[in-house]
C-alpha atoms as a PDB file:
ATOM      1  CA  MET A   1     216.665  64.585 147.134  1.00  0.00           C
ATOM      2  CA  SER A   2     214.937  65.216 150.434  1.00  0.00           C
ATOM      3  CA  GLY A   3     211.572  63.700 151.462  1.00  0.00           C
ATOM      4  CA  LEU A   4     210.412  60.143 152.247  1.00  0.00           C
ATOM      5  CA  THR A   5     212.596  57.192 151.111  1.00  0.00           C
ATOM      6  CA  LEU A   6     211.296  53.640 150.789  1.00  0.00           C
ATOM      7  CA  THR A   7     213.917  50.894 150.360  1.00  0.00           C
ATOM      8  CA  PHE A   8     212.531  47.379 149.672  1.00  0.00           C
ATOM      9  CA  ARG A   9     213.850  44.731 152.065  1.00  0.00           C
ATOM     10  CA  GLY A  10     211.579  41.771 151.328  1.00  0.00           C
ATOM     11  CA  ASP A  11     212.209  38.609 149.294  1.00  0.00           C
ATOM     12  CA  ALA A  12     213.248  38.905 145.618  1.00  0.00           C
ATOM     13  CA  GLY A  13     210.342  38.573 143.171  1.00  0.00           C
ATOM     14  CA  THR A  14     207.730  39.710 145.732  1.00  0.00           C
ATOM     15  CA  ILE A  15     204.751  41.351 144.007  1.00  0.00           C
ATOM     16  CA  VAL A  16     203.509  44.580 145.777  1.00  0.00           C
ATOM     17  CA  ASP A  17     200.587  46.901 144.939  1.00  0.00           C
ATOM     18  CA  MET A  18     201.890  50.402 145.543  1.00  0.00           C
ATOM     19  CA  SER A  19     198.778  52.365 144.540  1.00  0.00           C
ATOM     20  CA  SER A  20     198.061  53.547 148.128  1.00  0.00           C
ATOM     21  CA  LEU A  21     201.437  55.169 148.601  1.00  0.00           C
ATOM     22  CA  LEU A  22     201.061  58.510 146.983  1.00  0.00           C
ATOM     23  CA  PRO A  23     202.645  61.855 148.021  1.00  0.00           C
ATOM     24  CA  ASP A  24     199.289  63.701 148.315  1.00  0.00           C
ATOM     25  CA  ARG A  25     197.804  60.941 150.494  1.00  0.00           C
ATOM     26  CA  LEU A  26     200.798  60.530 152.801  1.00  0.00           C
ATOM     27  CA  ALA A  27     201.429  64.276 153.236  1.00  0.00           C
ATOM     28  CA  GLY A  28     201.872  65.145 156.970  1.00  0.00           C
ATOM     29  CA  GLN A  29     202.205  61.582 158.185  1.00  0.00           C
ATOM     30  CA  THR A  30     205.341  60.486 160.060  1.00  0.00           C
ATOM     31  CA  ALA A  31     207.481  57.573 158.883  1.00  0.00           C
ATOM     32  CA  GLU A  32     206.150  55.583 161.876  1.00  0.00           C
ATOM     33  CA  ASP A  33     202.580  56.219 160.714  1.00  0.00           C
ATOM     34  CA  ILE A  34     203.330  55.165 157.201  1.00  0.00           C
ATOM     35  CA  ALA A  35     205.188  52.042 158.316  1.00  0.00           C
ATOM     36  CA  GLY A  36     201.946  50.758 159.914  1.00  0.00           C
ATOM     37  CA  LEU A  37     199.788  51.197 156.847  1.00  0.00           C
ATOM     38  CA  PRO A  38     198.373  48.088 155.212  1.00  0.00           C
ATOM     39  CA  LEU A  39     200.030  47.028 151.924  1.00  0.00           C
ATOM     40  CA  PRO A  40     198.727  44.431 149.454  1.00  0.00           C
ATOM     41  CA  CYS A  41     201.584  42.060 148.828  1.00  0.00           C
ATOM     42  CA  GLY A  42     202.013  38.578 147.360  1.00  0.00           C
ATOM     43  CA  GLY A  43     198.317  37.684 147.441  1.00  0.00           C
ATOM     44  CA  GLY A  44     197.909  38.857 150.993  1.00  0.00           C
ATOM     45  CA  VAL A  45     198.212  41.973 153.075  1.00  0.00           C
ATOM     46  CA  THR A  46     201.194  43.074 155.165  1.00  0.00           C
ATOM     47  CA  THR A  47     202.403  46.501 156.314  1.00  0.00           C
ATOM     48  CA  VAL A  48     204.601  49.060 154.629  1.00  0.00           C
ATOM     49  CA  GLY A  49     207.195  48.682 157.421  1.00  0.00           C
ATOM     50  CA  GLU A  50     207.464  44.906 156.829  1.00  0.00           C
ATOM     51  CA  MET A  51     208.380  45.400 153.194  1.00  0.00           C
ATOM     52  CA  PHE A  52     210.263  48.663 153.228  1.00  0.00           C
ATOM     53  CA  GLU A  53     212.873  50.429 155.294  1.00  0.00           C
ATOM     54  CA  LEU A  54     211.661  53.985 155.711  1.00  0.00           C
ATOM     55  CA  SER A  55     213.652  57.172 156.208  1.00  0.00           C
ATOM     56  CA  THR A  56     212.240  60.270 157.807  1.00  0.00           C
ATOM     57  CA  GLY A  57     210.892  63.003 155.546  1.00  0.00           C
ATOM     58  CA  ASP A  58     207.713  64.503 154.253  1.00  0.00           C
ATOM     59  CA  ALA A  59     206.134  62.524 151.408  1.00  0.00           C
ATOM     60  CA  ALA A  60     204.472  65.690 150.153  1.00  0.00           C
ATOM     61  CA  GLU A  61     207.919  67.072 149.286  1.00  0.00           C
ATOM     62  CA  ALA A  62     209.044  63.992 147.364  1.00  0.00           C
ATOM     63  CA  MET A  63     209.130  60.158 147.548  1.00  0.00           C
ATOM     64  CA  LEU A  64     212.158  58.108 146.611  1.00  0.00           C
ATOM     65  CA  ILE A  65     211.523  54.370 146.054  1.00  0.00           C
ATOM     66  CA  ARG A  66     214.268  51.779 145.724  1.00  0.00           C
ATOM     67  CA  PRO A  67     212.536  48.556 144.460  1.00  0.00           C
ATOM     68  CA  GLY A  68     215.527  46.207 144.697  1.00  0.00           C
ATOM     69  CA  GLU A  69     214.397  42.824 143.339  1.00  0.00           C
ATOM     70  CA  ALA A  70     210.707  43.356 144.042  1.00  0.00           C
ATOM     71  CA  VAL A  71     207.911  43.733 141.395  1.00  0.00           C
ATOM     72  CA  LEU A  72     206.183  46.931 142.266  1.00  0.00           C
ATOM     73  CA  HIS A  73     202.894  47.425 140.423  1.00  0.00           C
ATOM     74  CA  ARG A  74     200.805  50.627 140.211  1.00  0.00           C
ATOM     75  CA  ILE A  75     203.508  53.060 141.465  1.00  0.00           C
ATOM     76  CA  GLY A  76     201.974  56.596 141.128  1.00  0.00           C
ATOM     77  CA  ALA A  77     198.647  55.242 139.904  1.00  0.00           C
ATOM     78  CA  GLY A  78     196.066  57.932 140.574  1.00  0.00           C
ATOM     79  CA  MET A  79     198.632  60.450 141.732  1.00  0.00           C
ATOM     80  CA  ALA A  80     197.327  64.038 141.797  1.00  0.00           C
ATOM     81  CA  SER A  81     200.394  65.985 142.934  1.00  0.00           C
ATOM     82  CA  GLY A  82     203.974  65.611 144.259  1.00  0.00           C
ATOM     83  CA  ARG A  83     206.976  63.821 142.976  1.00  0.00           C
ATOM     84  CA  ILE A  84     207.984  60.157 142.941  1.00  0.00           C
ATOM     85  CA  LEU A  85     211.454  59.003 141.886  1.00  0.00           C
ATOM     86  CA  VAL A  86     212.029  55.234 141.382  1.00  0.00           C
ATOM     87  CA  GLU A  87     215.638  54.039 141.241  1.00  0.00           C
ATOM     88  CA  GLY A  88     215.158  50.870 139.275  1.00  0.00           C
ATOM     89  CA  ASP A  89     212.397  49.023 137.406  1.00  0.00           C
ATOM     90  CA  VAL A  90     208.638  49.009 138.032  1.00  0.00           C
ATOM     91  CA  GLY A  91     205.831  46.699 137.155  1.00  0.00           C
ATOM     92  CA  SER A  92     202.556  47.367 135.369  1.00  0.00           C
ATOM     93  CA  HIS A  93     200.188  50.336 135.531  1.00  0.00           C
ATOM     94  CA  ALA A  94     202.797  52.873 136.770  1.00  0.00           C
ATOM     95  CA  GLY A  95     201.169  56.308 136.656  1.00  0.00           C
ATOM     96  CA  ALA A  96     197.894  54.828 135.474  1.00  0.00           C
ATOM     97  CA  GLY A  97     195.105  57.358 135.781  1.00  0.00           C
ATOM     98  CA  MET A  98     197.378  59.992 137.352  1.00  0.00           C
ATOM     99  CA  SER A  99     196.130  63.559 137.069  1.00  0.00           C
ATOM    100  CA  GLY A 100     199.171  65.594 138.159  1.00  0.00           C
ATOM    101  CA  GLY A 101     202.663  65.453 139.605  1.00  0.00           C
ATOM    102  CA  LEU A 102     205.937  63.900 138.366  1.00  0.00           C
ATOM    103  CA  LEU A 103     206.808  60.244 138.201  1.00  0.00           C
ATOM    104  CA  ARG A 104     210.406  59.543 137.211  1.00  0.00           C
ATOM    105  CA  ILE A 105     211.605  55.945 136.686  1.00  0.00           C
ATOM    106  CA  THR A 106     215.323  55.338 136.007  1.00  0.00           C
ATOM    107  CA  GLY A 107     214.885  51.732 134.789  1.00  0.00           C
ATOM    108  CA  ASN A 108     212.200  49.912 132.773  1.00  0.00           C
ATOM    109  CA  ALA A 109     208.413  50.028 133.162  1.00  0.00           C
ATOM    110  CA  GLY A 110     205.882  47.260 132.591  1.00  0.00           C
ATOM    111  CA  ASP A 111     202.566  47.285 130.663  1.00  0.00           C
ATOM    112  CA  ALA A 112     199.964  50.088 130.757  1.00  0.00           C
ATOM    113  CA  LEU A 113     202.342  52.842 131.755  1.00  0.00           C
ATOM    114  CA  GLY A 114     200.249  55.995 132.007  1.00  0.00           C
ATOM    115  CA  GLY A 115     197.281  53.985 130.901  1.00  0.00           C
ATOM    116  CA  ALA A 116     193.945  53.000 132.405  1.00  0.00           C
ATOM    117  CA  LEU A 117     193.435  50.905 135.512  1.00  0.00           C
ATOM    118  CA  PRO A 118     191.223  47.810 134.959  1.00  0.00           C
ATOM    119  CA  GLY A 119     187.548  48.763 134.833  1.00  0.00           C
ATOM    120  CA  LEU A 120     188.124  52.454 134.435  1.00  0.00           C
ATOM    121  CA  PRO A 121     187.400  54.326 131.107  1.00  0.00           C
ATOM    122  CA  LEU A 122     190.313  56.811 131.174  1.00  0.00           C
ATOM    123  CA  GLY A 123     194.084  56.657 131.464  1.00  0.00           C
ATOM    124  CA  MET A 124     196.489  59.419 132.482  1.00  0.00           C
ATOM    125  CA  ARG A 125     194.760  62.827 132.863  1.00  0.00           C
ATOM    126  CA  GLY A 126     197.745  65.105 133.616  1.00  0.00           C
ATOM    127  CA  GLY A 127     201.238  65.251 134.963  1.00  0.00           C
ATOM    128  CA  LEU A 128     204.582  64.015 133.614  1.00  0.00           C
ATOM    129  CA  ILE A 129     206.054  60.530 133.498  1.00  0.00           C
ATOM    130  CA  SER A 130     209.696  59.994 132.537  1.00  0.00           C
ATOM    131  CA  VAL A 131     211.275  56.542 131.962  1.00  0.00           C
ATOM    132  CA  GLY A 132     214.972  56.033 131.471  1.00  0.00           C
ATOM    133  CA  GLY A 133     214.651  52.546 130.029  1.00  0.00           C
ATOM    134  CA  SER A 134     211.940  50.828 127.975  1.00  0.00           C
ATOM    135  CA  ALA A 135     208.279  50.183 128.648  1.00  0.00           C
ATOM    136  CA  GLY A 136     205.780  47.387 127.889  1.00  0.00           C
ATOM    137  CA  ASP A 137     202.551  47.196 125.918  1.00  0.00           C
ATOM    138  CA  ARG A 138     199.654  49.678 125.879  1.00  0.00           C
ATOM    139  CA  VAL A 139     201.578  52.668 127.042  1.00  0.00           C
ATOM    140  CA  ALA A 140     199.403  55.821 127.314  1.00  0.00           C
ATOM    141  CA  GLU A 141     196.280  53.808 126.509  1.00  0.00           C
ATOM    142  CA  ARG A 142     193.146  55.992 126.731  1.00  0.00           C
ATOM    143  CA  MET A 143     195.360  58.918 127.805  1.00  0.00           C
ATOM    144  CA  ARG A 144     193.446  62.212 128.022  1.00  0.00           C
ATOM    145  CA  ARG A 145     196.134  64.719 129.085  1.00  0.00           C
ATOM    146  CA  GLY A 146     199.784  64.932 130.211  1.00  0.00           C
ATOM    147  CA  ILE A 147     203.182  63.737 128.839  1.00  0.00           C
ATOM    148  CA  VAL A 148     204.871  60.359 128.904  1.00  0.00           C
ATOM    149  CA  LEU A 149     208.563  60.266 127.979  1.00  0.00           C
ATOM    150  CA  VAL A 150     210.266  56.884 127.404  1.00  0.00           C
ATOM    151  CA  ASP A 151     213.924  56.852 126.406  1.00  0.00           C
ATOM    152  CA  GLY A 152     213.797  53.330 125.062  1.00  0.00           C
ATOM    153  CA  MET A 153     211.247  51.367 123.058  1.00  0.00           C
ATOM    154  CA  VAL A 154     207.582  50.800 123.996  1.00  0.00           C
ATOM    155  CA  GLY A 155     205.506  47.746 123.078  1.00  0.00           C
ATOM    156  CA  VAL A 156     202.352  47.057 121.079  1.00  0.00           C
ATOM    157  CA  TYR A 157     199.323  49.339 120.901  1.00  0.00           C
ATOM    158  CA  ALA A 158     201.187  52.399 122.147  1.00  0.00           C
ATOM    159  CA  ALA A 159     198.832  55.398 122.492  1.00  0.00           C
ATOM    160  CA  GLY A 160     195.933  53.099 121.800  1.00  0.00           C
ATOM    161  CA  PHE A 161     192.565  54.908 121.964  1.00  0.00           C
ATOM    162  CA  MET A 162     194.383  58.074 123.038  1.00  0.00           C
ATOM    163  CA  ILE A 163     192.013  60.999 123.536  1.00  0.00           C
ATOM    164  CA  ALA A 164     194.723  63.695 123.934  1.00  0.00           C
ATOM    165  CA  GLY A 165     198.201  64.144 125.379  1.00  0.00           C
ATOM    166  CA  THR A 166     201.738  63.263 124.275  1.00  0.00           C
ATOM    167  CA  LEU A 167     203.672  60.023 124.301  1.00  0.00           C
ATOM    168  CA  ALA A 168     207.360  60.343 123.238  1.00  0.00           C
ATOM    169  CA  ALA A 169     209.155  57.079 122.698  1.00  0.00           C
ATOM    170  CA  GLY A 170     212.801  57.447 121.813  1.00  0.00           C
ATOM    171  CA  GLY A 171     213.332  53.865 120.718  1.00  0.00           C
ATOM    172  CA  GLY A 172     210.151  53.626 118.662  1.00  0.00           C
ATOM    173  CA  CYS A 173     207.118  51.391 119.145  1.00  0.00           C
ATOM    174  CA  GLY A 174     205.939  47.849 118.559  1.00  0.00           C
ATOM    175  CA  PRO A 175     203.134  46.914 116.217  1.00  0.00           C
ATOM    176  CA  HIS A 176     199.784  48.839 115.943  1.00  0.00           C
ATOM    177  CA  PRO A 177     200.885  52.235 117.293  1.00  0.00           C
ATOM    178  CA  GLY A 178     197.982  54.759 117.692  1.00  0.00           C
ATOM    179  CA  PHE A 179     195.258  52.121 117.273  1.00  0.00           C
ATOM    180  CA  GLY A 180     191.893  53.801 117.772  1.00  0.00           C
ATOM    181  CA  MET A 181     193.619  57.185 118.457  1.00  0.00           C
ATOM    182  CA  ARG A 182     191.201  60.159 118.486  1.00  0.00           C
ATOM    183  CA  ARG A 183     193.598  63.084 119.164  1.00  0.00           C
ATOM    184  CA  GLY A 184     197.005  63.635 120.663  1.00  0.00           C
ATOM    185  CA  THR A 185     200.602  62.983 119.607  1.00  0.00           C
ATOM    186  CA  LEU A 186     202.804  59.915 119.476  1.00  0.00           C
ATOM    187  CA  LEU A 187     206.369  61.066 118.911  1.00  0.00           C
ATOM    188  CA  MET A 188     208.994  58.450 117.975  1.00  0.00           C
ATOM    189  CA  GLY A 189     212.738  59.041 117.996  1.00  0.00           C
ATOM    190  CA  ARG A 190     213.361  56.814 114.991  1.00  0.00           C
ATOM    191  CA  ARG A 191     212.229  56.633 111.396  1.00  0.00           C
ATOM    192  CA  GLN A 192     208.998  54.787 110.594  1.00  0.00           C
ATOM    193  CA  ASP A 193     209.514  52.758 107.417  1.00  0.00           C
ATOM    194  CA  ALA A 194     205.843  52.108 106.669  1.00  0.00           C
ATOM    195  CA  VAL A 195     202.624  53.998 107.135  1.00  0.00           C
ATOM    196  CA  PRO A 196     200.961  52.633 110.329  1.00  0.00           C
ATOM    197  CA  ASP A 197     197.605  50.881 109.883  1.00  0.00           C
ATOM    198  CA  GLY A 198     194.705  53.408 109.948  1.00  0.00           C
ATOM    199  CA  PHE A 199     196.936  56.409 109.251  1.00  0.00           C
ATOM    200  CA  ALA A 200     197.602  58.608 106.181  1.00  0.00           C
ATOM    201  CA  ASP A 201     200.973  59.984 105.132  1.00  0.00           C
ATOM    202  CA  GLY A 202     201.241  63.662 106.116  1.00  0.00           C
ATOM    203  CA  GLY A 203     204.732  64.475 104.798  1.00  0.00           C
ATOM    204  CA  THR A 204     207.960  65.528 106.354  1.00  0.00           C
ATOM    205  CA  ARG A 205     208.839  69.019 107.760  1.00  0.00           C
ATOM    206  CA  ASP A 206     210.236  70.857 110.746  1.00  0.00           C
ATOM    207  CA  TRP A 207     207.560  71.253 113.400  1.00  0.00           C
ATOM    208  CA  LEU A 208     207.559  74.498 115.407  1.00  0.00           C
ATOM    209  CA  PHE A 209     205.554  73.054 118.275  1.00  0.00           C
ATOM    210  CA  LEU A 210     208.309  70.510 118.890  1.00  0.00           C
ATOM    211  CA  HIS A 211     210.713  73.356 119.616  1.00  0.00           C
ATOM    212  CA  LEU A 212     208.216  74.635 122.210  1.00  0.00           C
ATOM    213  CA  LEU A 213     207.715  71.151 123.643  1.00  0.00           C
ATOM    214  CA  ARG A 214     211.503  70.665 124.019  1.00  0.00           C
ATOM    215  CA  ARG A 215     211.788  73.993 125.840  1.00  0.00           C
ATOM    216  CA  GLY A 216     209.038  72.953 128.241  1.00  0.00           C
ATOM    217  CA  LEU A 217     210.808  69.717 128.979  1.00  0.00           C
ATOM    218  CA  GLU A 218     214.224  71.200 129.757  1.00  0.00           C
ATOM    219  CA  GLY A 219     215.662  69.575 132.873  1.00  0.00           C
ATOM    220  CA  THR A 220     213.952  66.154 132.370  1.00  0.00           C
ATOM    221  CA  GLY A 221     217.052  64.562 130.775  1.00  0.00           C
ATOM    222  CA  SER A 222     214.931  62.673 128.374  1.00  0.00           C
ATOM    223  CA  TRP A 223     215.877  61.591 124.854  1.00  0.00           C
ATOM    224  CA  PHE A 224     213.736  64.295 123.328  1.00  0.00           C
ATOM    225  CA  GLU A 225     215.556  67.049 125.201  1.00  0.00           C
ATOM    226  CA  ARG A 226     218.830  65.729 123.755  1.00  0.00           C
ATOM    227  CA  ALA A 227     217.537  65.237 120.211  1.00  0.00           C
ATOM    228  CA  GLY A 228     219.293  67.319 117.675  1.00  0.00           C
ATOM    229  CA  THR A 229     216.311  67.857 115.363  1.00  0.00           C
ATOM    230  CA  THR A 230     212.667  68.650 115.318  1.00  0.00           C
ATOM    231  CA  ARG A 231     212.194  67.491 111.770  1.00  0.00           C
ATOM    232  CA  ALA A 232     209.745  64.603 111.570  1.00  0.00           C
ATOM    233  CA  HIS A 233     207.562  62.534 109.170  1.00  0.00           C
ATOM    234  CA  ARG A 234     203.880  62.962 110.084  1.00  0.00           C
ATOM    235  CA  PHE A 235     201.168  60.326 109.877  1.00  0.00           C
ATOM    236  CA  ILE A 236     197.517  61.373 110.467  1.00  0.00           C
ATOM    237  CA  GLY A 237     194.961  59.103 112.131  1.00  0.00           C
ATOM    238  CA  ASP A 238     193.420  56.948 113.318  1.00  0.00           C
ATOM    239  CA  LEU A 239     191.212  57.598 110.282  1.00  0.00           C
ATOM    240  CA  ALA A 240     188.508  55.320 111.705  1.00  0.00           C
ATOM    241  CA  GLU A 241     188.197  57.757 114.640  1.00  0.00           C
ATOM    242  CA  GLY A 242     188.189  60.969 112.589  1.00  0.00           C
ATOM    243  CA  GLY A 243     191.850  61.369 111.844  1.00  0.00           C
ATOM    244  CA  HIS A 244     192.660  64.077 114.394  1.00  0.00           C
ATOM    245  CA  GLY A 245     195.639  62.334 116.007  1.00  0.00           C
ATOM    246  CA  GLU A 246     199.191  62.123 114.804  1.00  0.00           C
ATOM    247  CA  ILE A 247     202.311  60.027 114.808  1.00  0.00           C
ATOM    248  CA  LEU A 248     205.522  61.935 114.298  1.00  0.00           C
ATOM    249  CA  ALA A 249     208.620  59.916 113.444  1.00  0.00           C
ATOM    250  CA  MET A 250     211.925  61.888 113.779  1.00  0.00           C
ATOM    251  CA  VAL A 251     214.108  61.891 110.681  1.00  0.00           C
END
């Protein structure tokens, strides 16, 4: 992978806000320019060069981030274009409010993945997020458009207040999936034993649009691309919000 590489070299457990380091914002800047940019870190402000070792490359082409033992919040938050690959785990609000581009995380993600930033009404509005591990609570909260793929499990209130878009969680979800959901799809890679609160049973069948979705996600390496079936049990809801959303549990 060519492009800009950021390798964390600070103290283990350091908390860093990464929201300013986006491919579209850094395009055309040299590694030296980026190293001198201010970076919120541990309750204060330092520079990118103090916290990361930088390689040469164009951020517009791609960014590779190696977090080490740091806690990196808001990676890809607000991203409009470009690609970010994270080799490791990330903190909260990764990809929050992003409107385009690709964010790929090989490890685990914290809360509010693809969700809404504090004080803002909408979550993810486009693009693709892929997570190789698990994710925390409120994944895809207030999501309006785009796709979030999580190979592992996601926490409580997954797809909460979703307006549109797709969340695909291979390991299933915690309590209260789809709470307040208006439209969109929450796809789970495991059977759902009970009807989720606020949803109605829609029966089991093979879904043609899942074949099309899988074809569109070829090359992502996600659990859904590897799934051997597109047969799923459908739940319709949230009925309190009109019942135009759906939870699909693979069977």
